[in-house]
Amino acid sequence: MKRVMLSLPEEMVILIEKERKDRYLETIPETVRVILSDYLRNKINKK
């Protein structure tokens, strides 16, 4: 697995924190992984 540093605007951090709480996830990185996974899965299924 490769680690990546990421800078996010404050508005996006607020939205990710909300999503983290809604999904009962522990951390921001975990939340980003779940969101990306959902997005990529949906993108592949639409093809």
N, C-alpha and C. Protein backbone atom coordinates (compact mmCIF):
# COMPACT_ATOMS: atom_id res chain seq x y z
N MET A 1 0.85 -1.17 0.00
CA MET A 1 0.00 0.00 0.00
C MET A 1 0.90 1.24 0.00
N LYS A 2 0.47 2.23 -0.71
CA LYS A 2 1.24 3.46 -0.81
C LYS A 2 0.55 4.56 -0.02
N ARG A 3 1.34 5.33 0.71
CA ARG A 3 0.80 6.45 1.49
C ARG A 3 0.86 7.72 0.65
N VAL A 4 -0.17 8.54 0.79
CA VAL A 4 -0.25 9.80 0.04
C VAL A 4 -0.65 10.90 1.00
N MET A 5 0.06 12.00 0.93
CA MET A 5 -0.31 13.18 1.72
C MET A 5 -1.33 13.98 0.91
N LEU A 6 -2.27 14.58 1.59
CA LEU A 6 -3.35 15.26 0.89
C LEU A 6 -3.71 16.54 1.63
N SER A 7 -3.84 17.62 0.88
CA SER A 7 -4.32 18.88 1.46
C SER A 7 -5.75 19.09 0.99
N LEU A 8 -6.61 19.46 1.93
CA LEU A 8 -8.02 19.65 1.61
C LEU A 8 -8.48 21.02 2.07
N PRO A 9 -9.37 21.64 1.30
CA PRO A 9 -9.95 22.89 1.78
C PRO A 9 -10.82 22.64 3.02
N GLU A 10 -10.94 23.64 3.83
CA GLU A 10 -11.69 23.52 5.09
C GLU A 10 -13.13 23.03 4.86
N GLU A 11 -13.77 23.50 3.80
CA GLU A 11 -15.15 23.09 3.50
C GLU A 11 -15.24 21.58 3.27
N MET A 12 -14.24 21.04 2.58
CA MET A 12 -14.23 19.61 2.30
C MET A 12 -13.98 18.81 3.58
N VAL A 13 -13.13 19.31 4.44
CA VAL A 13 -12.86 18.63 5.71
C VAL A 13 -14.15 18.57 6.54
N ILE A 14 -14.91 19.63 6.54
CA ILE A 14 -16.17 19.66 7.28
C ILE A 14 -17.13 18.61 6.73
N LEU A 15 -17.22 18.52 5.40
CA LEU A 15 -18.11 17.54 4.79
C LEU A 15 -17.64 16.10 5.04
N ILE A 16 -16.34 15.89 5.02
CA ILE A 16 -15.80 14.56 5.29
C ILE A 16 -16.04 14.17 6.75
N GLU A 17 -15.89 15.11 7.65
CA GLU A 17 -16.17 14.84 9.07
C GLU A 17 -17.64 14.45 9.26
N LYS A 18 -18.53 15.13 8.58
CA LYS A 18 -19.96 14.79 8.66
C LYS A 18 -20.19 13.38 8.13
N GLU A 19 -19.59 13.08 7.00
CA GLU A 19 -19.72 11.75 6.40
C GLU A 19 -19.14 10.68 7.33
N ARG A 20 -18.02 10.98 7.95
CA ARG A 20 -17.39 10.05 8.90
C ARG A 20 -18.34 9.72 10.05
N LYS A 21 -18.97 10.72 10.58
CA LYS A 21 -19.91 10.50 11.68
C LYS A 21 -21.14 9.73 11.22
N ASP A 22 -21.65 10.07 10.02
CA ASP A 22 -22.83 9.39 9.48
C ASP A 22 -22.57 7.90 9.24
N ARG A 23 -21.35 7.57 8.83
CA ARG A 23 -21.01 6.18 8.53
C ARG A 23 -20.36 5.47 9.72
N TYR A 24 -20.23 6.14 10.83
CA TYR A 24 -19.64 5.57 12.05
C TYR A 24 -18.21 5.05 11.79
N LEU A 25 -17.41 5.86 11.11
CA LEU A 25 -16.02 5.50 10.84
C LEU A 25 -15.11 6.17 11.85
N GLU A 26 -13.92 5.62 12.00
CA GLU A 26 -12.99 6.10 13.03
C GLU A 26 -12.18 7.33 12.61
N THR A 27 -11.68 7.31 11.38
CA THR A 27 -10.72 8.35 10.99
C THR A 27 -11.08 8.97 9.64
N ILE A 28 -10.48 10.12 9.37
CA ILE A 28 -10.65 10.78 8.07
C ILE A 28 -10.06 9.92 6.95
N PRO A 29 -8.85 9.38 7.09
CA PRO A 29 -8.32 8.53 6.00
C PRO A 29 -9.23 7.34 5.68
N GLU A 30 -9.78 6.73 6.71
CA GLU A 30 -10.69 5.62 6.49
C GLU A 30 -11.92 6.10 5.72
N THR A 31 -12.43 7.25 6.05
CA THR A 31 -13.60 7.82 5.38
C THR A 31 -13.29 8.10 3.92
N VAL A 32 -12.13 8.68 3.64
CA VAL A 32 -11.75 8.96 2.26
C VAL A 32 -11.63 7.67 1.47
N ARG A 33 -11.06 6.63 2.06
CA ARG A 33 -10.95 5.34 1.37
C ARG A 33 -12.32 4.78 1.03
N VAL A 34 -13.27 4.86 1.96
CA VAL A 34 -14.61 4.34 1.73
C VAL A 34 -15.31 5.14 0.62
N ILE A 35 -15.20 6.45 0.67
CA ILE A 35 -15.83 7.30 -0.35
C ILE A 35 -15.24 7.00 -1.72
N LEU A 36 -13.91 6.91 -1.81
CA LEU A 36 -13.28 6.60 -3.10
C LEU A 36 -13.66 5.21 -3.59
N SER A 37 -13.71 4.26 -2.69
CA SER A 37 -14.10 2.91 -3.06
C SER A 37 -15.52 2.89 -3.62
N ASP A 38 -16.45 3.56 -2.96
CA ASP A 38 -17.84 3.64 -3.44
C ASP A 38 -17.90 4.30 -4.81
N TYR A 39 -17.18 5.40 -4.95
CA TYR A 39 -17.18 6.13 -6.21
C TYR A 39 -16.64 5.27 -7.35
N LEU A 40 -15.51 4.63 -7.12
CA LEU A 40 -14.90 3.80 -8.18
C LEU A 40 -15.77 2.58 -8.51
N ARG A 41 -16.36 1.97 -7.51
CA ARG A 41 -17.25 0.83 -7.74
C ARG A 41 -18.42 1.25 -8.60
N ASN A 42 -19.03 2.38 -8.29
CA ASN A 42 -20.18 2.86 -9.06
C ASN A 42 -19.77 3.24 -10.48
N LYS A 43 -18.61 3.81 -10.63
CA LYS A 43 -18.12 4.20 -11.95
C LYS A 43 -17.90 2.97 -12.83
N ILE A 44 -17.32 1.91 -12.26
CA ILE A 44 -17.07 0.69 -13.01
C ILE A 44 -18.39 0.00 -13.37
N ASN A 45 -19.34 -0.01 -12.45
CA ASN A 45 -20.64 -0.65 -12.70
C ASN A 45 -21.45 0.06 -13.76
N LYS A 46 -21.24 1.34 -13.96
CA LYS A 46 -22.00 2.10 -14.95
C LYS A 46 -21.49 1.88 -16.37
N LYS A 47 -20.29 1.33 -16.51
CA LYS A 47 -19.73 1.09 -17.86
C LYS A 47 -20.37 -0.07 -18.54
